[in-house]
């Protein structure tokens, strides 16, 4: 995920190309201090996918704009949701 902290609004905007490959663009209002933006990313992703906040965790990139998140749950259902929602963003 490519995160933009201190945004005017929160949400997932689409997919962008990064040096590591395609990534979802996530905007959060939180500032990038003391893990606030990371917690906000977890909340935005959980809301977007309709899963509990406890099911989403930033696992890499804690101090970077590029982050990796882990979403626990039913893999087939989650993959289908991500595919559906990403197609709506394009």
PDB file of N, CA and C in Angstrom:
ATOM      1  N   UNK A   1       0.831  -1.163   0.000  1.00  0.00           N
ATOM      2  CA  UNK A   1       0.000   0.000   0.000  1.00  0.00           C
ATOM      3  C   UNK A   1       0.883   1.235   0.000  1.00  0.00           C
ATOM      4  N   UNK A   2       0.433   2.240  -0.696  1.00  0.00           N
ATOM      5  CA  UNK A   2       1.121   3.538  -0.700  1.00  0.00           C
ATOM      6  C   UNK A   2       0.257   4.487   0.098  1.00  0.00           C
ATOM      7  N   UNK A   3       0.792   4.967   1.213  1.00  0.00           N
ATOM      8  CA  UNK A   3       0.015   5.738   2.171  1.00  0.00           C
ATOM      9  C   UNK A   3       0.328   7.224   2.067  1.00  0.00           C
ATOM     10  N   UNK A   4      -0.724   8.037   2.119  1.00  0.00           N
ATOM     11  CA  UNK A   4      -0.598   9.487   2.182  1.00  0.00           C
ATOM     12  C   UNK A   4      -1.155   9.941   3.525  1.00  0.00           C
ATOM     13  N   UNK A   5      -0.281  10.300   4.479  1.00  0.00           N
ATOM     14  CA  UNK A   5      -0.771  10.798   5.771  1.00  0.00           C
ATOM     15  C   UNK A   5      -1.175  12.266   5.669  1.00  0.00           C
ATOM     16  N   UNK A   6      -1.828  12.752   6.689  1.00  0.00           N
ATOM     17  CA  UNK A   6      -2.280  14.147   6.776  1.00  0.00           C
ATOM     18  C   UNK A   6      -3.145  14.548   5.582  1.00  0.00           C
ATOM     19  N   UNK A   7      -3.958  13.632   5.118  1.00  0.00           N
ATOM     20  CA  UNK A   7      -4.846  13.901   3.986  1.00  0.00           C
ATOM     21  C   UNK A   7      -6.116  14.584   4.477  1.00  0.00           C
ATOM     22  N   UNK A   8      -6.796  15.269   3.591  1.00  0.00           N
ATOM     23  CA  UNK A   8      -8.053  15.925   3.938  1.00  0.00           C
ATOM     24  C   UNK A   8      -9.173  14.911   4.154  1.00  0.00           C
ATOM     25  N   UNK A   9      -9.024  13.726   3.571  1.00  0.00           N
ATOM     26  CA  UNK A   9     -10.050  12.685   3.727  1.00  0.00           C
ATOM     27  C   UNK A   9      -9.382  11.327   3.821  1.00  0.00           C
ATOM     28  N   UNK A  10     -10.132  10.341   4.287  1.00  0.00           N
ATOM     29  CA  UNK A  10      -9.600   8.990   4.392  1.00  0.00           C
ATOM     30  C   UNK A  10     -10.280   8.092   3.366  1.00  0.00           C
ATOM     31  N   UNK A  11      -9.523   7.114   2.898  1.00  0.00           N
ATOM     32  CA  UNK A  11     -10.085   6.148   1.976  1.00  0.00           C
ATOM     33  C   UNK A  11      -9.042   5.542   1.067  1.00  0.00           C
ATOM     34  N   UNK A  12      -9.493   4.637   0.241  1.00  0.00           N
ATOM     35  CA  UNK A  12      -8.629   3.980  -0.731  1.00  0.00           C
ATOM     36  C   UNK A  12      -8.995   4.549  -2.093  1.00  0.00           C
ATOM     37  N   UNK A  13      -7.965   5.071  -2.786  1.00  0.00           N
ATOM     38  CA  UNK A  13      -8.196   5.807  -4.024  1.00  0.00           C
ATOM     39  C   UNK A  13      -7.993   5.002  -5.293  1.00  0.00           C
ATOM     40  N   UNK A  14      -7.216   3.961  -5.249  1.00  0.00           N
ATOM     41  CA  UNK A  14      -6.949   3.208  -6.466  1.00  0.00           C
ATOM     42  C   UNK A  14      -5.645   2.457  -6.363  1.00  0.00           C
ATOM     43  N   UNK A  15      -5.096   2.159  -7.517  1.00  0.00           N
ATOM     44  CA  UNK A  15      -3.845   1.402  -7.595  1.00  0.00           C
ATOM     45  C   UNK A  15      -2.806   2.248  -8.309  1.00  0.00           C
ATOM     46  N   UNK A  16      -1.580   2.270  -7.771  1.00  0.00           N
ATOM     47  CA  UNK A  16      -0.467   2.978  -8.397  1.00  0.00           C
ATOM     48  C   UNK A  16       0.693   2.009  -8.575  1.00  0.00           C
ATOM     49  N   UNK A  17       1.557   2.329  -9.515  1.00  0.00           N
ATOM     50  CA  UNK A  17       2.774   1.538  -9.717  1.00  0.00           C
ATOM     51  C   UNK A  17       3.862   2.071  -8.800  1.00  0.00           C
ATOM     52  N   UNK A  18       4.556   1.177  -8.127  1.00  0.00           N
ATOM     53  CA  UNK A  18       5.704   1.533  -7.294  1.00  0.00           C
ATOM     54  C   UNK A  18       6.899   0.705  -7.765  1.00  0.00           C
ATOM     55  N   UNK A  19       8.054   0.976  -7.205  1.00  0.00           N
ATOM     56  CA  UNK A  19       9.244   0.199  -7.564  1.00  0.00           C
ATOM     57  C   UNK A  19       9.068  -1.279  -7.215  1.00  0.00           C
ATOM     58  N   UNK A  20       8.230  -1.574  -6.226  1.00  0.00           N
ATOM     59  CA  UNK A  20       7.987  -2.957  -5.808  1.00  0.00           C
ATOM     60  C   UNK A  20       6.811  -3.599  -6.546  1.00  0.00           C
ATOM     61  N   UNK A  21       6.121  -2.831  -7.378  1.00  0.00           N
ATOM     62  CA  UNK A  21       4.968  -3.349  -8.110  1.00  0.00           C
ATOM     63  C   UNK A  21       3.723  -2.560  -7.777  1.00  0.00           C
ATOM     64  N   UNK A  22       2.551  -3.019  -8.223  1.00  0.00           N
ATOM     65  CA  UNK A  22       1.314  -2.289  -7.978  1.00  0.00           C
ATOM     66  C   UNK A  22       0.991  -2.230  -6.484  1.00  0.00           C
ATOM     67  N   UNK A  23       0.396  -1.112  -6.060  1.00  0.00           N
ATOM     68  CA  UNK A  23       0.024  -0.939  -4.656  1.00  0.00           C
ATOM     69  C   UNK A  23      -1.257  -0.124  -4.573  1.00  0.00           C
ATOM     70  N   UNK A  24      -2.074  -0.445  -3.583  1.00  0.00           N
ATOM     71  CA  UNK A  24      -3.255   0.362  -3.321  1.00  0.00           C
ATOM     72  C   UNK A  24      -2.827   1.704  -2.752  1.00  0.00           C
ATOM     73  N   UNK A  25      -3.521   2.772  -3.120  1.00  0.00           N
ATOM     74  CA  UNK A  25      -3.270   4.096  -2.570  1.00  0.00           C
ATOM     75  C   UNK A  25      -4.252   4.321  -1.426  1.00  0.00           C
ATOM     76  N   UNK A  26      -3.706   4.601  -0.248  1.00  0.00           N
ATOM     77  CA  UNK A  26      -4.524   4.807   0.947  1.00  0.00           C
ATOM     78  C   UNK A  26      -4.258   6.201   1.491  1.00  0.00           C
ATOM     79  N   UNK A  27      -5.331   6.941   1.746  1.00  0.00           N
ATOM     80  CA  UNK A  27      -5.209   8.275   2.360  1.00  0.00           C
ATOM     81  C   UNK A  27      -5.740   8.192   3.788  1.00  0.00           C
ATOM     82  N   UNK A  28      -4.989   8.788   4.711  1.00  0.00           N
ATOM     83  CA  UNK A  28      -5.424   8.852   6.107  1.00  0.00           C
ATOM     84  C   UNK A  28      -5.237  10.265   6.634  1.00  0.00           C
ATOM     85  N   UNK A  29      -6.073  10.655   7.575  1.00  0.00           N
ATOM     86  CA  UNK A  29      -5.966  11.980   8.182  1.00  0.00           C
ATOM     87  C   UNK A  29      -4.851  12.044   9.209  1.00  0.00           C
ATOM     88  N   UNK A  30      -4.521  10.928   9.798  1.00  0.00           N
ATOM     89  CA  UNK A  30      -3.525  10.878  10.871  1.00  0.00           C
ATOM     90  C   UNK A  30      -2.149  11.321  10.388  1.00  0.00           C
ATOM     91  N   UNK A  31      -1.376  11.851  11.327  1.00  0.00           N
ATOM     92  CA  UNK A  31       0.002  12.226  11.019  1.00  0.00           C
ATOM     93  C   UNK A  31       0.892  11.006  11.186  1.00  0.00           C
ATOM     94  N   UNK A  32       2.041  11.054  10.557  1.00  0.00           N
ATOM     95  CA  UNK A  32       2.986   9.932  10.604  1.00  0.00           C
ATOM     96  C   UNK A  32       3.883  10.052  11.834  1.00  0.00           C
ATOM     97  N   UNK A  33       3.268   9.996  12.996  1.00  0.00           N
ATOM     98  CA  UNK A  33       4.019  10.058  14.253  1.00  0.00           C
ATOM     99  C   UNK A  33       3.509   8.991  15.206  1.00  0.00           C
ATOM    100  N   UNK A  34       4.424   8.312  15.874  1.00  0.00           N
ATOM    101  CA  UNK A  34       4.088   7.349  16.929  1.00  0.00           C
ATOM    102  C   UNK A  34       3.110   6.278  16.468  1.00  0.00           C
ATOM    103  N   UNK A  35       3.175   5.888  15.206  1.00  0.00           N
ATOM    104  CA  UNK A  35       2.329   4.818  14.685  1.00  0.00           C
ATOM    105  C   UNK A  35       0.894   5.213  14.411  1.00  0.00           C
ATOM    106  N   UNK A  36       0.581   6.509  14.523  1.00  0.00           N
ATOM    107  CA  UNK A  36      -0.802   6.944  14.301  1.00  0.00           C
ATOM    108  C   UNK A  36      -1.275   6.649  12.884  1.00  0.00           C
ATOM    109  N   UNK A  37      -0.431   6.930  11.893  1.00  0.00           N
ATOM    110  CA  UNK A  37      -0.818   6.671  10.500  1.00  0.00           C
ATOM    111  C   UNK A  37      -0.989   5.174  10.257  1.00  0.00           C
ATOM    112  N   UNK A  38      -0.148   4.360  10.862  1.00  0.00           N
ATOM    113  CA  UNK A  38      -0.274   2.911  10.691  1.00  0.00           C
ATOM    114  C   UNK A  38      -1.602   2.414  11.249  1.00  0.00           C
ATOM    115  N   UNK A  39      -1.981   2.891  12.423  1.00  0.00           N
ATOM    116  CA  UNK A  39      -3.272   2.494  13.004  1.00  0.00           C
ATOM    117  C   UNK A  39      -4.423   2.979  12.131  1.00  0.00           C
ATOM    118  N   UNK A  40      -4.285   4.167  11.568  1.00  0.00           N
ATOM    119  CA  UNK A  40      -5.329   4.691  10.687  1.00  0.00           C
ATOM    120  C   UNK A  40      -5.440   3.848   9.415  1.00  0.00           C
ATOM    121  N   UNK A  41      -4.307   3.418   8.873  1.00  0.00           N
ATOM    122  CA  UNK A  41      -4.315   2.546   7.687  1.00  0.00           C
ATOM    123  C   UNK A  41      -5.064   1.258   8.010  1.00  0.00           C
ATOM    124  N   UNK A  42      -4.781   0.677   9.157  1.00  0.00           N
ATOM    125  CA  UNK A  42      -5.460  -0.561   9.553  1.00  0.00           C
ATOM    126  C   UNK A  42      -6.976  -0.352   9.627  1.00  0.00           C
ATOM    127  N   UNK A  43      -7.390   0.777  10.175  1.00  0.00           N
ATOM    128  CA  UNK A  43      -8.826   1.058  10.285  1.00  0.00           C
ATOM    129  C   UNK A  43      -9.473   1.274   8.914  1.00  0.00           C
ATOM    130  N   UNK A  44      -8.790   2.001   8.036  1.00  0.00           N
ATOM    131  CA  UNK A  44      -9.335   2.261   6.697  1.00  0.00           C
ATOM    132  C   UNK A  44      -9.461   0.953   5.918  1.00  0.00           C
ATOM    133  N   UNK A  45      -8.436   0.124   5.964  1.00  0.00           N
ATOM    134  CA  UNK A  45      -8.475  -1.152   5.232  1.00  0.00           C
ATOM    135  C   UNK A  45      -9.561  -2.055   5.802  1.00  0.00           C
ATOM    136  N   UNK A  46      -9.681  -2.109   7.123  1.00  0.00           N
ATOM    137  CA  UNK A  46     -10.712  -2.941   7.747  1.00  0.00           C
ATOM    138  C   UNK A  46     -12.104  -2.478   7.316  1.00  0.00           C
ATOM    139  N   UNK A  47     -12.323  -1.179   7.325  1.00  0.00           N
ATOM    140  CA  UNK A  47     -13.615  -0.659   6.890  1.00  0.00           C
ATOM    141  C   UNK A  47     -13.896  -0.933   5.423  1.00  0.00           C
ATOM    142  N   UNK A  48     -12.871  -0.790   4.599  1.00  0.00           N
ATOM    143  CA  UNK A  48     -13.003  -1.020   3.157  1.00  0.00           C
ATOM    144  C   UNK A  48     -13.394  -2.458   2.859  1.00  0.00           C
ATOM    145  N   UNK A  49     -12.776  -3.400   3.598  1.00  0.00           N
ATOM    146  CA  UNK A  49     -13.044  -4.819   3.368  1.00  0.00           C
ATOM    147  C   UNK A  49     -14.209  -5.353   4.199  1.00  0.00           C
ATOM    148  N   UNK A  50     -14.668  -4.572   5.167  1.00  0.00           N
ATOM    149  CA  UNK A  50     -15.760  -5.027   6.013  1.00  0.00           C
ATOM    150  C   UNK A  50     -15.349  -6.121   6.979  1.00  0.00           C
ATOM    151  N   UNK A  51     -14.125  -6.028   7.482  1.00  0.00           N
ATOM    152  CA  UNK A  51     -13.624  -6.998   8.457  1.00  0.00           C
ATOM    153  C   UNK A  51     -13.341  -6.267   9.770  1.00  0.00           C
ATOM    154  N   UNK A  52     -13.242  -7.000  10.878  1.00  0.00           N
ATOM    155  CA  UNK A  52     -12.911  -6.346  12.148  1.00  0.00           C
ATOM    156  C   UNK A  52     -11.532  -5.687  12.087  1.00  0.00           C
ATOM    157  N   UNK A  53     -11.392  -4.585  12.802  1.00  0.00           N
ATOM    158  CA  UNK A  53     -10.113  -3.866  12.847  1.00  0.00           C
ATOM    159  C   UNK A  53      -8.984  -4.787  13.329  1.00  0.00           C
ATOM    160  N   UNK A  54      -9.317  -5.724  14.211  1.00  0.00           N
ATOM    161  CA  UNK A  54      -8.305  -6.636  14.740  1.00  0.00           C
ATOM    162  C   UNK A  54      -7.795  -7.616  13.687  1.00  0.00           C
ATOM    163  N   UNK A  55      -8.452  -7.702  12.540  1.00  0.00           N
ATOM    164  CA  UNK A  55      -8.041  -8.611  11.468  1.00  0.00           C
ATOM    165  C   UNK A  55      -6.992  -8.007  10.542  1.00  0.00           C
ATOM    166  N   UNK A  56      -6.672  -6.717  10.729  1.00  0.00           N
ATOM    167  CA  UNK A  56      -5.746  -6.019   9.829  1.00  0.00           C
ATOM    168  C   UNK A  56      -4.558  -5.504  10.628  1.00  0.00           C
ATOM    169  N   UNK A  57      -3.352  -5.766  10.111  1.00  0.00           N
ATOM    170  CA  UNK A  57      -2.144  -5.288  10.791  1.00  0.00           C
ATOM    171  C   UNK A  57      -1.098  -4.875   9.772  1.00  0.00           C
ATOM    172  N   UNK A  58      -0.445  -3.738  10.023  1.00  0.00           N
ATOM    173  CA  UNK A  58       0.696  -3.328   9.204  1.00  0.00           C
ATOM    174  C   UNK A  58       1.859  -4.214   9.626  1.00  0.00           C
ATOM    175  N   UNK A  59       2.424  -4.974   8.671  1.00  0.00           N
ATOM    176  CA  UNK A  59       3.497  -5.916   9.003  1.00  0.00           C
ATOM    177  C   UNK A  59       4.862  -5.475   8.513  1.00  0.00           C
ATOM    178  N   UNK A  60       4.906  -4.513   7.600  1.00  0.00           N
ATOM    179  CA  UNK A  60       6.188  -4.015   7.090  1.00  0.00           C
ATOM    180  C   UNK A  60       5.998  -2.587   6.613  1.00  0.00           C
ATOM    181  N   UNK A  61       7.073  -1.804   6.702  1.00  0.00           N
ATOM    182  CA  UNK A  61       7.024  -0.429   6.232  1.00  0.00           C
ATOM    183  C   UNK A  61       6.480   0.531   7.260  1.00  0.00           C
ATOM    184  N   UNK A  62       6.659   0.219   8.526  1.00  0.00           N
ATOM    185  CA  UNK A  62       6.123   1.041   9.598  1.00  0.00           C
ATOM    186  C   UNK A  62       6.505   2.503   9.521  1.00  0.00           C
ATOM    187  N   UNK A  63       7.689   2.799   8.995  1.00  0.00           N
ATOM    188  CA  UNK A  63       8.135   4.191   8.902  1.00  0.00           C
ATOM    189  C   UNK A  63       8.275   4.650   7.451  1.00  0.00           C
ATOM    190  N   UNK A  64       7.600   3.961   6.566  1.00  0.00           N
ATOM    191  CA  UNK A  64       7.677   4.246   5.138  1.00  0.00           C
ATOM    192  C   UNK A  64       6.286   4.531   4.608  1.00  0.00           C
ATOM    193  N   UNK A  65       6.207   5.194   3.467  1.00  0.00           N
ATOM    194  CA  UNK A  65       4.906   5.380   2.817  1.00  0.00           C
ATOM    195  C   UNK A  65       4.413   4.076   2.191  1.00  0.00           C
ATOM    196  N   UNK A  66       5.344   3.202   1.841  1.00  0.00           N
ATOM    197  CA  UNK A  66       4.973   1.898   1.286  1.00  0.00           C
ATOM    198  C   UNK A  66       4.874   0.900   2.430  1.00  0.00           C
ATOM    199  N   UNK A  67       3.711   0.316   2.592  1.00  0.00           N
ATOM    200  CA  UNK A  67       3.460  -0.586   3.708  1.00  0.00           C
ATOM    201  C   UNK A  67       2.908  -1.911   3.206  1.00  0.00           C
ATOM    202  N   UNK A  68       3.152  -2.923   3.992  1.00  0.00           N
ATOM    203  CA  UNK A  68       2.564  -4.226   3.762  1.00  0.00           C
ATOM    204  C   UNK A  68       1.594  -4.483   4.894  1.00  0.00           C
ATOM    205  N   UNK A  69       0.389  -4.928   4.558  1.00  0.00           N
ATOM    206  CA  UNK A  69      -0.590  -5.243   5.591  1.00  0.00           C
ATOM    207  C   UNK A  69      -0.987  -6.714   5.490  1.00  0.00           C
ATOM    208  N   UNK A  70      -1.305  -7.273   6.642  1.00  0.00           N
ATOM    209  CA  UNK A  70      -1.787  -8.644   6.722  1.00  0.00           C
ATOM    210  C   UNK A  70      -3.249  -8.577   7.121  1.00  0.00           C
ATOM    211  N   UNK A  71      -4.101  -9.250   6.357  1.00  0.00           N
ATOM    212  CA  UNK A  71      -5.524  -9.320   6.675  1.00  0.00           C
ATOM    213  C   UNK A  71      -5.852 -10.781   6.927  1.00  0.00           C
ATOM    214  N   UNK A  72      -6.300 -11.075   8.137  1.00  0.00           N
ATOM    215  CA  UNK A  72      -6.659 -12.455   8.459  1.00  0.00           C
ATOM    216  C   UNK A  72      -8.131 -12.677   8.141  1.00  0.00           C
ATOM    217  N   UNK A  73      -8.440 -13.891   7.781  1.00  0.00           N
ATOM    218  CA  UNK A  73      -9.811 -14.242   7.435  1.00  0.00           C
ATOM    219  C   UNK A  73      -9.810 -15.328   6.379  1.00  0.00           C
ATOM    220  N   UNK A  74     -10.911 -15.449   5.684  1.00  0.00           N
ATOM    221  CA  UNK A  74     -11.056 -16.454   4.636  1.00  0.00           C
ATOM    222  C   UNK A  74     -10.370 -15.947   3.374  1.00  0.00           C
ATOM    223  N   UNK A  75      -9.250 -16.567   2.970  1.00  0.00           N
ATOM    224  CA  UNK A  75      -8.469 -16.067   1.836  1.00  0.00           C
ATOM    225  C   UNK A  75      -9.267 -15.910   0.548  1.00  0.00           C
ATOM    226  N   UNK A  76     -10.091 -16.872   0.215  1.00  0.00           N
ATOM    227  CA  UNK A  76     -10.860 -16.795  -1.038  1.00  0.00           C
ATOM    228  C   UNK A  76     -11.822 -15.619  -1.014  1.00  0.00           C
ATOM    229  N   UNK A  77     -12.505 -15.423   0.108  1.00  0.00           N
ATOM    230  CA  UNK A  77     -13.450 -14.314   0.240  1.00  0.00           C
ATOM    231  C   UNK A  77     -12.723 -12.976   0.175  1.00  0.00           C
ATOM    232  N   UNK A  78     -11.607 -12.857   0.887  1.00  0.00           N
ATOM    233  CA  UNK A  78     -10.848 -11.606   0.895  1.00  0.00           C
ATOM    234  C   UNK A  78     -10.298 -11.279  -0.491  1.00  0.00           C
ATOM    235  N   UNK A  79      -9.773 -12.292  -1.177  1.00  0.00           N
ATOM    236  CA  UNK A  79      -9.236 -12.069  -2.524  1.00  0.00           C
ATOM    237  C   UNK A  79     -10.339 -11.605  -3.477  1.00  0.00           C
ATOM    238  N   UNK A  80     -11.509 -12.190  -3.368  1.00  0.00           N
ATOM    239  CA  UNK A  80     -12.627 -11.798  -4.224  1.00  0.00           C
ATOM    240  C   UNK A  80     -13.061 -10.360  -3.921  1.00  0.00           C
ATOM    241  N   UNK A  81     -13.100  -9.993  -2.627  1.00  0.00           N
ATOM    242  CA  UNK A  81     -13.465  -8.626  -2.250  1.00  0.00           C
ATOM    243  C   UNK A  81     -12.465  -7.614  -2.788  1.00  0.00           C
ATOM    244  N   UNK A  82     -11.182  -7.913  -2.620  1.00  0.00           N
ATOM    245  CA  UNK A  82     -10.154  -6.986  -3.100  1.00  0.00           C
ATOM    246  C   UNK A  82     -10.272  -6.821  -4.612  1.00  0.00           C
ATOM    247  N   UNK A  83     -10.426  -7.916  -5.312  1.00  0.00           N
ATOM    248  CA  UNK A  83     -10.550  -7.856  -6.776  1.00  0.00           C
ATOM    249  C   UNK A  83     -11.768  -7.034  -7.190  1.00  0.00           C
ATOM    250  N   UNK A  84     -12.893  -7.263  -6.535  1.00  0.00           N
ATOM    251  CA  UNK A  84     -14.116  -6.523  -6.845  1.00  0.00           C
ATOM    252  C   UNK A  84     -13.940  -5.037  -6.558  1.00  0.00           C
ATOM    253  N   UNK A  85     -13.438  -4.704  -5.388  1.00  0.00           N
ATOM    254  CA  UNK A  85     -13.307  -3.300  -5.009  1.00  0.00           C
ATOM    255  C   UNK A  85     -12.271  -2.562  -5.846  1.00  0.00           C
ATOM    256  N   UNK A  86     -11.190  -3.218  -6.190  1.00  0.00           N
ATOM    257  CA  UNK A  86     -10.171  -2.584  -7.031  1.00  0.00           C
ATOM    258  C   UNK A  86     -10.740  -2.322  -8.424  1.00  0.00           C
ATOM    259  N   UNK A  87     -11.523  -3.260  -8.944  1.00  0.00           N
ATOM    260  CA  UNK A  87     -12.115  -3.048 -10.272  1.00  0.00           C
ATOM    261  C   UNK A  87     -13.071  -1.858 -10.260  1.00  0.00           C
ATOM    262  N   UNK A  88     -13.718  -1.592  -9.147  1.00  0.00           N
ATOM    263  CA  UNK A  88     -14.618  -0.435  -9.038  1.00  0.00           C
ATOM    264  C   UNK A  88     -13.854   0.873  -8.974  1.00  0.00           C
ATOM    265  N   UNK A  89     -12.607   0.830  -8.512  1.00  0.00           N
ATOM    266  CA  UNK A  89     -11.796   2.036  -8.388  1.00  0.00           C
ATOM    267  C   UNK A  89     -11.253   2.503  -9.736  1.00  0.00           C
ATOM    268  N   UNK A  90     -11.169   1.598 -10.687  1.00  0.00           N
ATOM    269  CA  UNK A  90     -10.539   1.918 -11.961  1.00  0.00           C
ATOM    270  C   UNK A  90     -11.502   2.495 -12.942  1.00  0.00           C
TER     271      UNK A  90
END
